[in-house]
Amino acid sequence: MKAARKFHSAGQALPLALVLLAAVAATVFFMFNSGQLVQEKIRLTNTADAVAYSAGVFEARVLNYDAYTNRAIIANEIAIGQAVGLASWAKYAGTAASNISPWVSLIPYVGEALSAALDAVAEFMDLITYAFAGAVTLHDGTINALKVSQKLMDTTALIDRNWLMNQVAKKNDPDAAVDFLPLSDDFNGFTQRYESKDERKRMGQLVNDGRDAFLQSRSWNFGLVALCEGAEIRKRGSTELVDLADGWKSMDTVSGHKYWLHFGFFGISCKHSELPVGYGSAYSVDGMDDSSYDYAGSRSTNPIASILAYSTVASGFSPVSISGGAIPPFYDLSTTAVKDNNEDPRTSMAIRVTKSGANQRFSGGSSVVKPSGRLDLYAGNQARSKSAAVARAEVYFERPDGNNKLFGREEYGNLFNPYWQARLAPITAAQRAAAQALQGLTLP
């Protein structure tokens, strides 16, 4: 009886194993490339967000710097007004002391001492006005320094912003490149420099409205007049920002007024006489036309004293200065920015960060693992051989408390309060389409 023949399979599984091995290799390569490309994309997206947000923060700081310098200019303008007002008041007090001194000397026993004291007051007032003149010089110089710094800041803002964007991109990814999406950056026209006299009156009105009670009116009455009989001492004076832009001028007067009834051939009339007692004026720059200003009733109430005050200028005035205390050119939101959205003006930008495929760590890029043959089908392709990510930043105005505490109203964006902030914002459909077009893609 013959033994059963044994059959052994040899090599039948090898073709299947090779097919499975190729599939596994393709899967591994696909997963490797997908993981690397996703990692590169995340890194590029984070870089784009960092670049856009950093640029937005920079723009907000430029706007806030303009706001801080505008506020500082206003404060120094008010300080000049205070110095001019105090000089005028001191001159009026000095002339009043000088005019009263001869009459006081007639008082028995104490007259000479009182007269000497008044003469000393007059001398002191003349000396102190030099200090006020120096204050005008100091604050005028500060205003012009602020004006220059604001000009330099806004002139170099775009250059500095673009340099910052590239630095942030390089710190996040040395191989990344930054560019703007078309028509997506409106920061260049968001502010403008107000230079003409009419334009500078915009700030001048704020300065004028910010005058305190001392600058607005230094007036009082003492005495009684009734039915055209009696006597009264009337003090008048104020400090004015001439034409809201040219500079400061101040006048102070005090006069005695006497009223009496006069009985004449044509009937009864009321007579009045003015006796000037004290008067003085001061100004930050000479030659201003102040003919339309009454100085809180000085010219209408004390006309004779006002004429004397016009030629009785405080010692040291007008002081040495660069611009004579005039409102300087300054930056504020442009008329276009305000017109487009008066209640909520904003500026935004959309940027694109790209990276060449040759510099990315995947099999089709800089990785040392590179497929060949049929596996090269899984190396991955990129539009125009690079990856791109887009981001958008928005700069907006918002008070921390949501409204103006003083008036209880919402405050619109401006360059007189430093409440500008930055945030990332969604990319618009038009910007996304522009980014795709730059990549050579047309997607829905």
Protein backbone atom coordinates (compact mmCIF):
# COMPACT_ATOMS: atom_id res chain seq x y z
CA MET A 1 0.00 0.00 0.00
CA LYS A 2 1.43 3.32 -1.03
CA ALA A 3 1.77 6.20 1.45
CA ALA A 4 -0.36 9.42 0.87
CA ARG A 5 1.45 12.21 -0.99
CA LYS A 6 2.00 15.40 1.03
CA PHE A 7 1.51 18.78 -0.62
CA HIS A 8 3.31 21.97 0.71
CA SER A 9 2.37 25.54 -0.44
CA ALA A 10 5.42 27.60 -1.25
CA GLY A 11 5.32 31.33 -2.21
CA GLN A 12 1.57 31.76 -2.82
CA ALA A 13 1.23 34.41 0.00
CA LEU A 14 4.19 36.54 -1.16
CA PRO A 15 2.31 38.54 -3.85
CA LEU A 16 -0.46 39.30 -1.40
CA ALA A 17 2.05 40.36 1.22
CA LEU A 18 3.77 42.68 -1.25
CA VAL A 19 0.44 44.29 -2.12
CA LEU A 20 -0.41 44.73 1.54
CA LEU A 21 3.07 46.11 2.23
CA ALA A 22 2.68 48.70 -0.52
CA ALA A 23 -0.73 49.68 0.87
CA VAL A 24 0.68 49.96 4.37
CA ALA A 25 3.60 52.05 3.11
CA ALA A 26 1.26 54.33 1.18
CA THR A 27 -0.94 54.70 4.25
CA VAL A 28 2.07 55.49 6.43
CA PHE A 29 3.33 58.06 3.99
CA PHE A 30 -0.13 59.57 3.63
CA MET A 31 -0.56 59.79 7.40
CA PHE A 32 2.94 61.24 7.79
CA ASN A 33 2.36 63.88 5.15
CA SER A 34 -1.11 64.70 6.45
CA GLY A 35 0.16 65.06 10.02
CA GLN A 36 3.10 67.19 8.98
CA LEU A 37 1.01 69.39 6.72
CA VAL A 38 -1.61 69.85 9.45
CA GLN A 39 1.12 70.77 11.92
CA GLU A 40 2.61 73.27 9.45
CA LYS A 41 -0.84 74.70 8.78
CA ILE A 42 -1.56 75.14 12.50
CA ARG A 43 1.81 76.80 12.98
CA LEU A 44 1.21 79.08 10.02
CA THR A 45 -2.29 79.97 11.28
CA ASN A 46 -0.94 80.81 14.73
CA THR A 47 1.74 82.94 13.10
CA ALA A 48 -0.84 84.81 11.04
CA ASP A 49 -2.97 85.47 14.14
CA ALA A 50 0.08 86.68 16.07
CA VAL A 51 1.15 88.97 13.23
CA ALA A 52 -2.32 90.48 12.75
CA TYR A 53 -2.95 90.97 16.47
CA SER A 54 0.50 92.51 17.04
CA ALA A 55 -0.11 94.93 14.17
CA GLY A 56 -3.53 95.79 15.59
CA VAL A 57 -2.06 96.45 19.03
CA PHE A 58 0.58 98.67 17.44
CA GLU A 59 -2.09 100.67 15.59
CA ALA A 60 -4.10 101.04 18.80
CA ARG A 61 -0.98 102.34 20.57
CA VAL A 62 -0.40 104.89 17.80
CA LEU A 63 -3.96 106.14 18.15
CA ASN A 64 -3.67 106.20 21.95
CA TYR A 65 -0.38 108.10 21.67
CA ASP A 66 -2.14 110.70 19.54
CA ALA A 67 -4.87 110.88 22.18
CA TYR A 68 -2.39 111.26 25.05
CA THR A 69 -0.42 113.96 23.23
CA ASN A 70 -3.60 115.81 22.29
CA ARG A 71 -4.67 115.78 25.93
CA ALA A 72 -1.20 116.94 26.97
CA ILE A 73 -1.33 119.78 24.44
CA ILE A 74 -4.72 120.85 25.78
CA ALA A 75 -3.41 120.76 29.36
CA ASN A 76 -0.41 122.91 28.43
CA GLU A 77 -2.64 125.34 26.55
CA ILE A 78 -4.79 125.73 29.65
CA ALA A 79 -1.60 126.27 31.67
CA ILE A 80 -0.57 129.08 29.29
CA GLY A 81 -4.00 130.63 29.74
CA GLN A 82 -3.60 130.42 33.51
CA ALA A 83 -0.17 132.11 33.37
CA VAL A 84 -1.49 134.91 31.14
CA GLY A 85 -4.54 135.35 33.38
CA LEU A 86 -2.46 135.48 36.57
CA ALA A 87 -0.07 137.99 34.99
CA SER A 88 -2.97 140.23 34.00
CA TRP A 89 -4.50 139.94 37.46
CA ALA A 90 -1.15 140.68 39.13
CA LYS A 91 -0.65 143.76 36.95
CA TYR A 92 -4.13 145.03 37.79
CA ALA A 93 -3.48 144.44 41.50
CA GLY A 94 -0.15 146.29 41.22
CA THR A 95 -1.62 149.32 39.47
CA ALA A 96 -4.48 149.39 41.96
CA ALA A 97 -1.98 149.39 44.82
CA SER A 98 0.04 152.18 43.18
CA ASN A 99 -3.06 154.30 42.53
CA ILE A 100 -4.43 153.84 46.04
CA SER A 101 -1.10 154.41 47.79
CA PRO A 102 -1.07 158.27 47.62
CA TRP A 103 -4.57 158.46 49.07
CA VAL A 104 -3.82 155.97 51.82
CA SER A 105 -0.80 158.03 52.90
CA LEU A 106 -3.20 160.78 53.98
CA ILE A 107 -4.62 158.59 56.74
CA PRO A 108 -3.33 159.83 60.10
CA TYR A 109 -0.76 157.77 61.98
CA VAL A 110 -0.89 154.60 59.82
CA GLY A 111 -1.07 156.20 56.39
CA GLU A 112 2.66 156.15 55.67
CA ALA A 113 3.02 152.51 56.67
CA LEU A 114 0.03 151.45 54.60
CA SER A 115 1.29 153.44 51.62
CA ALA A 116 4.71 151.77 51.87
CA ALA A 117 3.04 148.37 52.05
CA LEU A 118 1.01 149.09 48.94
CA ASP A 119 4.13 150.25 47.09
CA ALA A 120 5.80 146.99 48.07
CA VAL A 121 2.80 145.06 46.75
CA ALA A 122 3.06 146.92 43.42
CA GLU A 123 6.78 146.09 43.13
CA PHE A 124 6.19 142.45 44.02
CA MET A 125 3.43 142.13 41.41
CA ASP A 126 5.76 143.50 38.74
CA LEU A 127 8.41 140.95 39.67
CA ILE A 128 6.08 137.94 39.83
CA THR A 129 4.81 138.50 36.31
CA TYR A 130 8.26 137.55 34.99
CA ALA A 131 7.71 134.09 36.49
CA PHE A 132 4.38 133.84 34.70
CA ALA A 133 6.08 134.85 31.45
CA GLY A 134 8.62 132.08 31.98
CA ALA A 135 5.78 129.61 32.48
CA VAL A 136 4.34 130.61 29.10
CA THR A 137 7.72 129.99 27.46
CA LEU A 138 8.05 126.59 29.13
CA HIS A 139 4.57 125.35 28.26
CA ASP A 140 4.77 126.68 24.70
CA GLY A 141 8.01 124.76 24.22
CA THR A 142 6.36 121.62 25.60
CA ILE A 143 3.44 122.00 23.19
CA ASN A 144 5.78 122.25 20.23
CA ALA A 145 7.80 119.24 21.41
CA LEU A 146 4.56 117.23 21.64
CA LYS A 147 3.57 118.44 18.19
CA VAL A 148 6.88 117.24 16.71
CA SER A 149 6.72 113.88 18.48
CA GLN A 150 3.19 113.31 17.22
CA LYS A 151 4.28 114.15 13.68
CA LEU A 152 7.22 111.73 13.88
CA MET A 153 5.04 108.97 15.31
CA ASP A 154 2.42 109.22 12.58
CA THR A 155 4.97 109.69 9.78
CA THR A 156 6.81 106.46 10.62
CA ALA A 157 3.79 104.46 11.85
CA LEU A 158 3.33 102.35 8.71
CA ILE A 159 7.04 101.61 8.39
CA ASP A 160 7.30 100.63 12.06
CA ARG A 161 4.14 98.52 11.87
CA ASN A 162 5.36 96.56 8.85
CA TRP A 163 8.75 96.01 10.50
CA LEU A 164 7.00 94.72 13.62
CA MET A 165 4.83 92.35 11.58
CA ASN A 166 7.86 90.82 9.89
CA GLN A 167 9.68 90.48 13.21
CA VAL A 168 6.71 88.69 14.80
CA ALA A 169 6.45 86.38 11.79
CA LYS A 170 10.16 85.51 11.90
CA LYS A 171 10.06 84.84 15.63
CA ASN A 172 7.20 82.38 15.13
CA ASP A 173 8.50 80.84 11.90
CA PRO A 174 11.79 81.98 10.30
CA ASP A 175 10.61 80.84 6.86
CA ALA A 176 7.27 82.70 6.91
CA ALA A 177 6.56 85.73 4.71
CA VAL A 178 3.92 88.40 5.34
CA ASP A 179 1.87 90.43 2.90
CA PHE A 180 -1.45 92.30 2.91
CA LEU A 181 -4.59 91.16 1.18
CA PRO A 182 -5.65 93.64 -1.54
CA LEU A 183 -7.73 96.61 -0.31
CA SER A 184 -7.76 95.30 3.24
CA ASP A 185 -5.71 97.94 5.10
CA ASP A 186 -7.38 101.31 5.80
CA PHE A 187 -5.13 102.54 8.60
CA ASN A 188 -3.28 104.99 6.35
CA GLY A 189 -6.40 107.13 5.86
CA PHE A 190 -7.91 106.61 9.29
CA THR A 191 -6.34 109.75 10.78
CA GLN A 192 -5.37 113.12 9.37
CA ARG A 193 -3.38 116.15 10.46
CA TYR A 194 -5.47 119.25 11.16
CA GLU A 195 -3.24 122.19 10.20
CA SER A 196 -5.21 125.19 8.93
CA LYS A 197 -6.55 127.75 11.37
CA ASP A 198 -10.13 126.64 10.85
CA GLU A 199 -9.11 123.01 11.42
CA ARG A 200 -7.15 123.86 14.56
CA LYS A 201 -10.24 125.54 16.03
CA ARG A 202 -11.53 122.01 16.59
CA MET A 203 -9.04 121.63 19.43
CA GLY A 204 -9.32 125.30 20.34
CA GLN A 205 -12.99 124.84 21.15
CA LEU A 206 -12.11 122.05 23.57
CA VAL A 207 -9.46 124.25 25.19
CA ASN A 208 -11.85 127.18 25.45
CA ASP A 209 -14.57 124.99 26.97
CA GLY A 210 -12.01 123.66 29.45
CA ARG A 211 -11.31 127.06 31.01
CA ASP A 212 -12.02 127.16 34.74
CA ALA A 213 -14.00 129.86 36.54
CA PHE A 214 -10.91 132.04 37.06
CA LEU A 215 -10.24 132.25 33.33
CA GLN A 216 -13.87 132.70 32.32
CA SER A 217 -14.76 135.55 34.64
CA ARG A 218 -13.09 137.45 37.48
CA SER A 219 -15.94 139.84 38.26
CA TRP A 220 -17.55 141.22 41.39
CA ASN A 221 -19.43 144.29 42.59
CA PHE A 222 -19.31 146.16 45.88
CA GLY A 223 -21.68 149.00 46.77
CA LEU A 224 -25.23 149.97 45.99
CA VAL A 225 -26.94 151.92 43.26
CA ALA A 226 -30.68 152.48 43.35
CA LEU A 227 -32.81 154.85 41.28
CA CYS A 228 -29.68 156.45 39.82
CA GLU A 229 -28.26 157.27 43.23
CA GLY A 230 -25.27 155.65 44.85
CA ALA A 231 -21.78 154.36 44.23
CA GLU A 232 -20.32 150.96 43.37
CA ILE A 233 -16.91 149.38 42.79
CA ARG A 234 -16.97 147.03 39.82
CA LYS A 235 -14.28 144.46 39.04
CA ARG A 236 -14.26 142.86 35.60
CA GLY A 237 -11.87 140.59 33.75
CA SER A 238 -11.32 137.30 31.92
CA THR A 239 -8.78 135.39 29.86
CA GLU A 240 -9.64 134.54 26.26
CA LEU A 241 -8.27 132.20 23.62
CA VAL A 242 -8.34 134.65 20.73
CA ASP A 243 -10.22 133.31 17.72
CA LEU A 244 -9.93 129.81 19.26
CA ALA A 245 -6.48 129.38 17.74
CA ASP A 246 -4.19 132.44 17.77
CA GLY A 247 -3.12 132.67 21.43
CA TRP A 248 -4.16 133.96 24.83
CA LYS A 249 -5.00 137.47 25.99
CA SER A 250 -6.26 138.66 29.35
CA MET A 251 -7.60 141.89 30.83
CA ASP A 252 -8.46 142.91 34.40
CA THR A 253 -10.00 146.21 35.49
CA VAL A 254 -11.58 147.70 38.58
CA SER A 255 -13.30 151.09 38.69
CA GLY A 256 -15.39 153.16 41.03
CA HIS A 257 -18.76 154.21 39.60
CA LYS A 258 -20.90 157.06 40.87
CA TYR A 259 -24.51 157.70 39.84
CA TRP A 260 -26.62 160.77 40.55
CA LEU A 261 -29.73 162.49 39.31
CA HIS A 262 -29.22 165.68 37.33
CA PHE A 263 -31.95 168.26 37.17
CA GLY A 264 -31.57 170.40 34.07
CA PHE A 265 -33.47 172.62 31.70
CA PHE A 266 -34.64 169.63 29.67
CA GLY A 267 -35.66 167.58 32.67
CA ILE A 268 -34.18 164.99 34.96
CA SER A 269 -31.34 162.76 33.74
CA CYS A 270 -29.12 160.11 35.27
CA LYS A 271 -25.45 160.99 35.35
CA HIS A 272 -22.58 158.57 35.75
CA SER A 273 -18.83 158.84 36.20
CA GLU A 274 -16.08 156.21 36.24
CA LEU A 275 -12.89 156.43 38.29
CA PRO A 276 -10.31 153.83 37.17
CA VAL A 277 -8.58 152.21 40.14
CA GLY A 278 -6.73 149.16 38.82
CA TYR A 279 -6.04 147.81 35.35
CA GLY A 280 -3.71 145.44 33.58
CA SER A 281 -3.42 143.08 30.62
CA ALA A 282 -1.19 140.29 29.35
CA TYR A 283 -0.95 138.19 26.22
CA SER A 284 0.99 135.18 24.99
CA VAL A 285 1.81 136.89 21.68
CA ASP A 286 1.45 140.49 20.55
CA GLY A 287 -0.58 141.67 17.59
CA MET A 288 -3.74 139.57 18.04
CA ASP A 289 -7.06 141.15 17.10
CA ASP A 290 -9.17 140.97 20.26
CA SER A 291 -11.58 143.77 19.38
CA SER A 292 -14.58 141.43 19.56
CA TYR A 293 -13.89 140.37 23.16
CA ASP A 294 -15.46 142.16 26.12
CA TYR A 295 -13.42 140.33 28.79
CA ALA A 296 -16.39 139.46 30.98
CA GLY A 297 -17.80 142.98 30.71
CA SER A 298 -14.57 144.91 31.26
CA ARG A 299 -14.83 147.03 28.12
CA SER A 300 -18.54 147.66 28.48
CA THR A 301 -18.61 148.20 32.26
CA ASN A 302 -15.19 149.81 32.84
CA PRO A 303 -14.43 151.45 29.48
CA ILE A 304 -11.89 153.99 30.77
CA ALA A 305 -10.01 151.41 32.82
CA SER A 306 -10.08 149.03 29.84
CA ILE A 307 -8.41 151.64 27.63
CA LEU A 308 -5.71 152.08 30.27
CA ALA A 309 -5.36 148.30 30.64
CA TYR A 310 -4.78 147.91 26.92
CA SER A 311 -1.51 149.83 27.26
CA THR A 312 -0.65 148.58 30.76
CA VAL A 313 0.88 145.18 30.01
CA ALA A 314 2.36 142.88 32.65
CA SER A 315 6.16 142.89 32.87
CA GLY A 316 7.74 140.17 30.73
CA PHE A 317 4.84 139.98 28.27
CA SER A 318 4.68 138.99 25.55
CA PRO A 319 7.14 136.26 26.55
CA VAL A 320 9.68 134.53 24.35
CA SER A 321 8.00 131.55 22.69
CA ILE A 322 7.99 129.43 19.55
CA SER A 323 4.36 129.78 18.53
CA GLY A 324 2.98 132.26 21.07
CA GLY A 325 0.65 129.79 22.72
CA ALA A 326 -1.29 129.20 19.52
CA ILE A 327 -3.16 125.93 19.03
CA PRO A 328 -0.69 123.72 17.09
CA PRO A 329 -1.43 121.30 14.25
CA PHE A 330 -2.61 117.95 15.62
CA TYR A 331 -3.91 114.55 14.57
CA ASP A 332 -7.49 113.37 14.85
CA LEU A 333 -9.73 110.90 13.05
CA SER A 334 -10.02 111.76 9.38
CA THR A 335 -13.21 113.25 8.03
CA THR A 336 -13.60 110.13 5.89
CA ALA A 337 -13.35 107.78 8.87
CA VAL A 338 -15.91 109.80 10.81
CA LYS A 339 -18.22 110.13 7.83
CA ASP A 340 -18.19 106.40 7.07
CA ASN A 341 -19.15 105.43 10.61
CA ASN A 342 -19.71 108.39 12.89
CA GLU A 343 -20.87 106.37 15.89
CA ASP A 344 -18.32 103.59 15.78
CA PRO A 345 -15.26 104.37 13.63
CA ARG A 346 -12.95 101.40 13.24
CA THR A 347 -9.89 100.45 11.27
CA SER A 348 -8.92 96.95 10.23
CA MET A 349 -6.40 95.01 8.21
CA ALA A 350 -6.24 91.51 6.74
CA ILE A 351 -2.85 89.88 6.23
CA ARG A 352 -1.59 86.70 4.64
CA VAL A 353 1.32 84.61 5.90
CA THR A 354 2.87 82.18 3.44
CA LYS A 355 5.52 79.51 3.61
CA SER A 356 7.20 77.74 0.72
CA GLY A 357 6.56 74.01 0.48
CA ALA A 358 10.30 73.43 0.13
CA ASN A 359 10.75 74.71 3.69
CA GLN A 360 8.03 72.56 5.25
CA ARG A 361 8.69 69.28 7.03
CA PHE A 362 6.78 66.78 4.91
CA SER A 363 7.85 64.26 2.31
CA GLY A 364 7.40 66.70 -0.55
CA GLY A 365 9.33 69.39 1.29
CA SER A 366 12.38 69.50 3.52
CA SER A 367 11.82 66.12 5.21
CA VAL A 368 14.57 63.49 4.79
CA VAL A 369 11.84 60.88 4.30
CA LYS A 370 10.91 61.07 0.62
CA PRO A 371 8.84 58.51 -1.27
CA SER A 372 9.80 57.30 -4.71
CA GLY A 373 8.14 55.42 -7.46
CA ARG A 374 4.44 54.92 -7.04
CA LEU A 375 4.60 56.14 -3.46
CA ASP A 376 5.47 59.57 -4.79
CA LEU A 377 1.77 59.92 -5.55
CA TYR A 378 1.26 60.43 -1.81
CA ALA A 379 3.90 63.15 -1.39
CA GLY A 380 1.23 65.90 -1.25
CA ASN A 381 0.72 68.86 -3.54
CA GLN A 382 0.30 72.53 -2.61
CA ALA A 383 -1.19 75.35 -4.63
CA ARG A 384 1.72 77.26 -6.12
CA SER A 385 4.05 75.15 -3.95
CA LYS A 386 3.31 77.00 -0.71
CA SER A 387 0.92 77.11 2.22
CA ALA A 388 -0.93 80.21 3.33
CA ALA A 389 -2.94 81.41 6.30
CA VAL A 390 -4.94 84.62 6.63
CA ALA A 391 -5.91 86.67 9.69
CA ARG A 392 -7.68 89.96 10.31
CA ALA A 393 -7.31 92.46 13.17
CA GLU A 394 -9.67 95.27 14.07
CA VAL A 395 -8.93 98.41 16.11
CA TYR A 396 -11.92 99.97 17.85
CA PHE A 397 -12.80 102.56 20.50
CA GLU A 398 -14.48 101.51 23.72
CA ARG A 399 -14.49 103.07 27.17
CA PRO A 400 -13.91 100.57 30.02
CA ASP A 401 -17.16 101.69 31.67
CA GLY A 402 -19.10 101.71 28.42
CA ASN A 403 -20.04 105.40 28.57
CA ASN A 404 -18.90 108.81 29.73
CA LYS A 405 -19.17 108.96 33.52
CA LEU A 406 -19.40 112.74 33.55
CA PHE A 407 -22.33 113.02 31.16
CA GLY A 408 -23.74 109.48 31.26
CA ARG A 409 -23.64 109.20 27.49
CA GLU A 410 -21.93 106.86 25.08
CA GLU A 411 -18.70 108.32 23.74
CA TYR A 412 -17.86 107.93 20.07
CA GLY A 413 -14.37 107.17 18.83
CA ASN A 414 -11.97 110.11 18.89
CA LEU A 415 -8.32 110.98 19.39
CA PHE A 416 -8.82 112.91 22.62
CA ASN A 417 -9.35 109.88 24.87
CA PRO A 418 -7.00 106.85 24.88
CA TYR A 419 -9.52 104.02 24.75
CA TRP A 420 -8.45 102.34 21.50
CA GLN A 421 -8.13 98.55 21.62
CA ALA A 422 -7.33 95.71 19.24
CA ARG A 423 -8.88 92.31 18.63
CA LEU A 424 -8.86 89.54 16.03
CA ALA A 425 -11.87 89.63 13.71
CA PRO A 426 -13.39 87.18 11.20
CA ILE A 427 -12.16 87.23 7.62
CA THR A 428 -14.79 88.58 5.23
CA ALA A 429 -15.95 86.61 2.21
CA ALA A 430 -14.27 89.09 -0.13
CA GLN A 431 -10.97 88.80 1.72
CA ARG A 432 -11.15 85.02 1.68
CA ALA A 433 -11.77 85.08 -2.07
CA ALA A 434 -8.82 87.45 -2.52
CA ALA A 435 -6.56 85.11 -0.55
CA GLN A 436 -7.68 82.16 -2.67
CA ALA A 437 -7.05 84.11 -5.86
CA LEU A 438 -3.51 84.89 -4.71
CA GLN A 439 -3.04 81.14 -4.21
CA GLY A 440 -4.33 80.41 -7.71
CA LEU A 441 -7.52 78.80 -6.45
CA THR A 442 -11.18 79.32 -7.20
CA LEU A 443 -13.26 77.78 -4.44
CA PRO A 444 -16.92 78.22 -3.46
